[in-house]
Amino acid sequence: FDYMFKLLIIGNSSVGKTSFLFRYADDSFTSAFVSTVGIDFKVKTVFKNEKRIKLQIW
């Protein structure tokens, strides 16, 4: 990768942070999530202006 960014999703409990994370990173959605205990993160690589950008989304 050419660049790496770490993104942090913050918000109140039960507002859909994990659903947003999975929808963006994996292009998937399920309504059956239970409350996250601890930390959940995903890695996604995107391409912009012929550069590979690695996103670590927490």
N, C-alpha and C. Protein backbone atom coordinates (compact mmCIF):
# COMPACT_ATOMS: atom_id res chain seq x y z
N PHE A 1 0.83 -1.18 0.00
CA PHE A 1 0.00 0.00 0.00
C PHE A 1 0.87 1.24 0.00
N ASP A 2 0.32 2.31 -0.49
CA ASP A 2 1.05 3.58 -0.55
C ASP A 2 0.80 4.45 0.68
N TYR A 3 -0.40 4.36 1.22
CA TYR A 3 -0.77 5.13 2.41
C TYR A 3 -1.55 4.23 3.36
N MET A 4 -1.51 4.55 4.65
CA MET A 4 -2.33 3.85 5.63
C MET A 4 -2.96 4.87 6.56
N PHE A 5 -4.26 4.69 6.78
CA PHE A 5 -4.99 5.57 7.70
C PHE A 5 -5.70 4.70 8.72
N LYS A 6 -5.77 5.17 9.94
CA LYS A 6 -6.54 4.53 10.99
C LYS A 6 -7.76 5.40 11.27
N LEU A 7 -8.93 4.79 11.17
CA LEU A 7 -10.19 5.51 11.40
C LEU A 7 -10.86 4.94 12.63
N LEU A 8 -11.40 5.79 13.45
CA LEU A 8 -12.08 5.38 14.67
C LEU A 8 -13.54 5.78 14.59
N ILE A 9 -14.42 4.80 14.76
CA ILE A 9 -15.86 5.07 14.76
C ILE A 9 -16.29 5.19 16.22
N ILE A 10 -16.88 6.32 16.57
CA ILE A 10 -17.35 6.50 17.94
C ILE A 10 -18.83 6.82 17.93
N GLY A 11 -19.50 6.50 19.02
CA GLY A 11 -20.92 6.81 19.15
C GLY A 11 -21.51 6.09 20.33
N ASN A 12 -22.73 6.41 20.62
CA ASN A 12 -23.45 5.77 21.73
C ASN A 12 -23.66 4.30 21.44
N SER A 13 -24.02 3.56 22.47
CA SER A 13 -24.26 2.12 22.29
C SER A 13 -25.55 1.91 21.48
N SER A 14 -25.55 0.82 20.73
CA SER A 14 -26.72 0.38 19.95
C SER A 14 -27.15 1.36 18.86
N VAL A 15 -26.19 2.08 18.27
CA VAL A 15 -26.55 3.00 17.18
C VAL A 15 -26.16 2.48 15.80
N GLY A 16 -25.41 1.35 15.74
CA GLY A 16 -25.07 0.76 14.45
C GLY A 16 -23.63 0.91 14.02
N LYS A 17 -22.73 1.13 14.95
CA LYS A 17 -21.31 1.29 14.59
C LYS A 17 -20.77 0.02 13.95
N THR A 18 -21.05 -1.13 14.53
CA THR A 18 -20.56 -2.40 13.97
C THR A 18 -21.23 -2.69 12.63
N SER A 19 -22.51 -2.42 12.51
CA SER A 19 -23.20 -2.61 11.23
C SER A 19 -22.60 -1.72 10.15
N PHE A 20 -22.30 -0.48 10.49
CA PHE A 20 -21.64 0.43 9.55
C PHE A 20 -20.28 -0.10 9.13
N LEU A 21 -19.52 -0.59 10.11
CA LEU A 21 -18.19 -1.13 9.86
C LEU A 21 -18.25 -2.30 8.88
N PHE A 22 -19.12 -3.27 9.12
CA PHE A 22 -19.24 -4.43 8.24
C PHE A 22 -19.80 -4.05 6.88
N ARG A 23 -20.73 -3.12 6.84
CA ARG A 23 -21.32 -2.70 5.56
C ARG A 23 -20.26 -2.04 4.68
N TYR A 24 -19.45 -1.18 5.26
CA TYR A 24 -18.43 -0.49 4.47
C TYR A 24 -17.27 -1.41 4.09
N ALA A 25 -16.77 -2.19 5.05
CA ALA A 25 -15.57 -2.99 4.82
C ALA A 25 -15.85 -4.26 4.02
N ASP A 26 -16.97 -4.91 4.28
CA ASP A 26 -17.27 -6.20 3.65
C ASP A 26 -18.43 -6.14 2.67
N ASP A 27 -19.11 -5.01 2.58
CA ASP A 27 -20.31 -4.87 1.76
C ASP A 27 -21.35 -5.92 2.15
N SER A 28 -21.50 -6.12 3.46
CA SER A 28 -22.49 -7.07 3.96
C SER A 28 -23.27 -6.41 5.09
N PHE A 29 -24.46 -6.94 5.35
CA PHE A 29 -25.28 -6.41 6.43
C PHE A 29 -26.05 -7.55 7.07
N THR A 30 -26.12 -7.54 8.37
CA THR A 30 -26.98 -8.45 9.11
C THR A 30 -27.58 -7.68 10.27
N SER A 31 -28.81 -7.95 10.56
CA SER A 31 -29.46 -7.25 11.68
C SER A 31 -29.33 -8.04 12.98
N ALA A 32 -28.56 -9.12 12.96
CA ALA A 32 -28.47 -10.02 14.11
C ALA A 32 -27.24 -9.76 14.99
N PHE A 33 -26.67 -8.57 14.94
CA PHE A 33 -25.51 -8.28 15.78
C PHE A 33 -25.90 -8.19 17.24
N VAL A 34 -25.02 -8.68 18.09
CA VAL A 34 -25.17 -8.48 19.53
C VAL A 34 -24.17 -7.40 19.94
N SER A 35 -24.31 -6.87 21.11
CA SER A 35 -23.42 -5.80 21.57
C SER A 35 -21.97 -6.25 21.50
N THR A 36 -21.12 -5.38 20.99
CA THR A 36 -19.69 -5.67 20.89
C THR A 36 -19.05 -5.53 22.26
N VAL A 37 -18.30 -6.54 22.66
CA VAL A 37 -17.55 -6.49 23.90
C VAL A 37 -16.08 -6.40 23.52
N GLY A 38 -15.41 -5.36 23.93
CA GLY A 38 -14.01 -5.17 23.55
C GLY A 38 -13.92 -4.31 22.32
N ILE A 39 -13.03 -4.69 21.41
CA ILE A 39 -12.75 -3.88 20.22
C ILE A 39 -12.99 -4.72 18.97
N ASP A 40 -13.57 -4.10 17.97
CA ASP A 40 -13.81 -4.75 16.69
C ASP A 40 -13.20 -3.85 15.62
N PHE A 41 -12.46 -4.44 14.67
CA PHE A 41 -11.91 -3.62 13.60
C PHE A 41 -11.84 -4.41 12.31
N LYS A 42 -11.77 -3.68 11.22
CA LYS A 42 -11.66 -4.26 9.88
C LYS A 42 -10.58 -3.50 9.11
N VAL A 43 -10.04 -4.16 8.10
CA VAL A 43 -9.07 -3.54 7.21
C VAL A 43 -9.66 -3.55 5.81
N LYS A 44 -9.57 -2.43 5.14
CA LYS A 44 -10.05 -2.33 3.76
C LYS A 44 -9.02 -1.58 2.94
N THR A 45 -8.77 -2.06 1.74
CA THR A 45 -7.87 -1.37 0.82
C THR A 45 -8.71 -0.72 -0.27
N VAL A 46 -8.47 0.55 -0.48
CA VAL A 46 -9.17 1.29 -1.53
C VAL A 46 -8.13 1.88 -2.48
N PHE A 47 -8.56 2.22 -3.67
CA PHE A 47 -7.68 2.80 -4.68
C PHE A 47 -8.18 4.19 -5.03
N LYS A 48 -7.28 5.16 -5.01
CA LYS A 48 -7.61 6.54 -5.34
C LYS A 48 -6.42 7.15 -6.06
N ASN A 49 -6.67 7.68 -7.26
CA ASN A 49 -5.61 8.30 -8.06
C ASN A 49 -4.40 7.37 -8.23
N GLU A 50 -4.67 6.11 -8.54
CA GLU A 50 -3.65 5.09 -8.77
C GLU A 50 -2.78 4.81 -7.54
N LYS A 51 -3.28 5.12 -6.37
CA LYS A 51 -2.59 4.83 -5.11
C LYS A 51 -3.42 3.83 -4.31
N ARG A 52 -2.73 2.90 -3.66
CA ARG A 52 -3.39 1.95 -2.77
C ARG A 52 -3.42 2.54 -1.37
N ILE A 53 -4.60 2.60 -0.80
CA ILE A 53 -4.77 3.18 0.53
C ILE A 53 -5.34 2.11 1.44
N LYS A 54 -4.63 1.82 2.51
CA LYS A 54 -5.07 0.83 3.48
C LYS A 54 -5.78 1.57 4.62
N LEU A 55 -7.02 1.16 4.89
CA LEU A 55 -7.79 1.76 5.97
C LEU A 55 -7.92 0.74 7.10
N GLN A 56 -7.51 1.10 8.27
CA GLN A 56 -7.78 0.31 9.47
C GLN A 56 -8.93 1.01 10.18
N ILE A 57 -10.07 0.35 10.20
CA ILE A 57 -11.27 0.98 10.75
C ILE A 57 -11.58 0.31 12.08
N TRP A 58 -11.57 1.08 13.14
CA TRP A 58 -11.79 0.59 14.51
C TRP A 58 -13.13 1.06 15.01
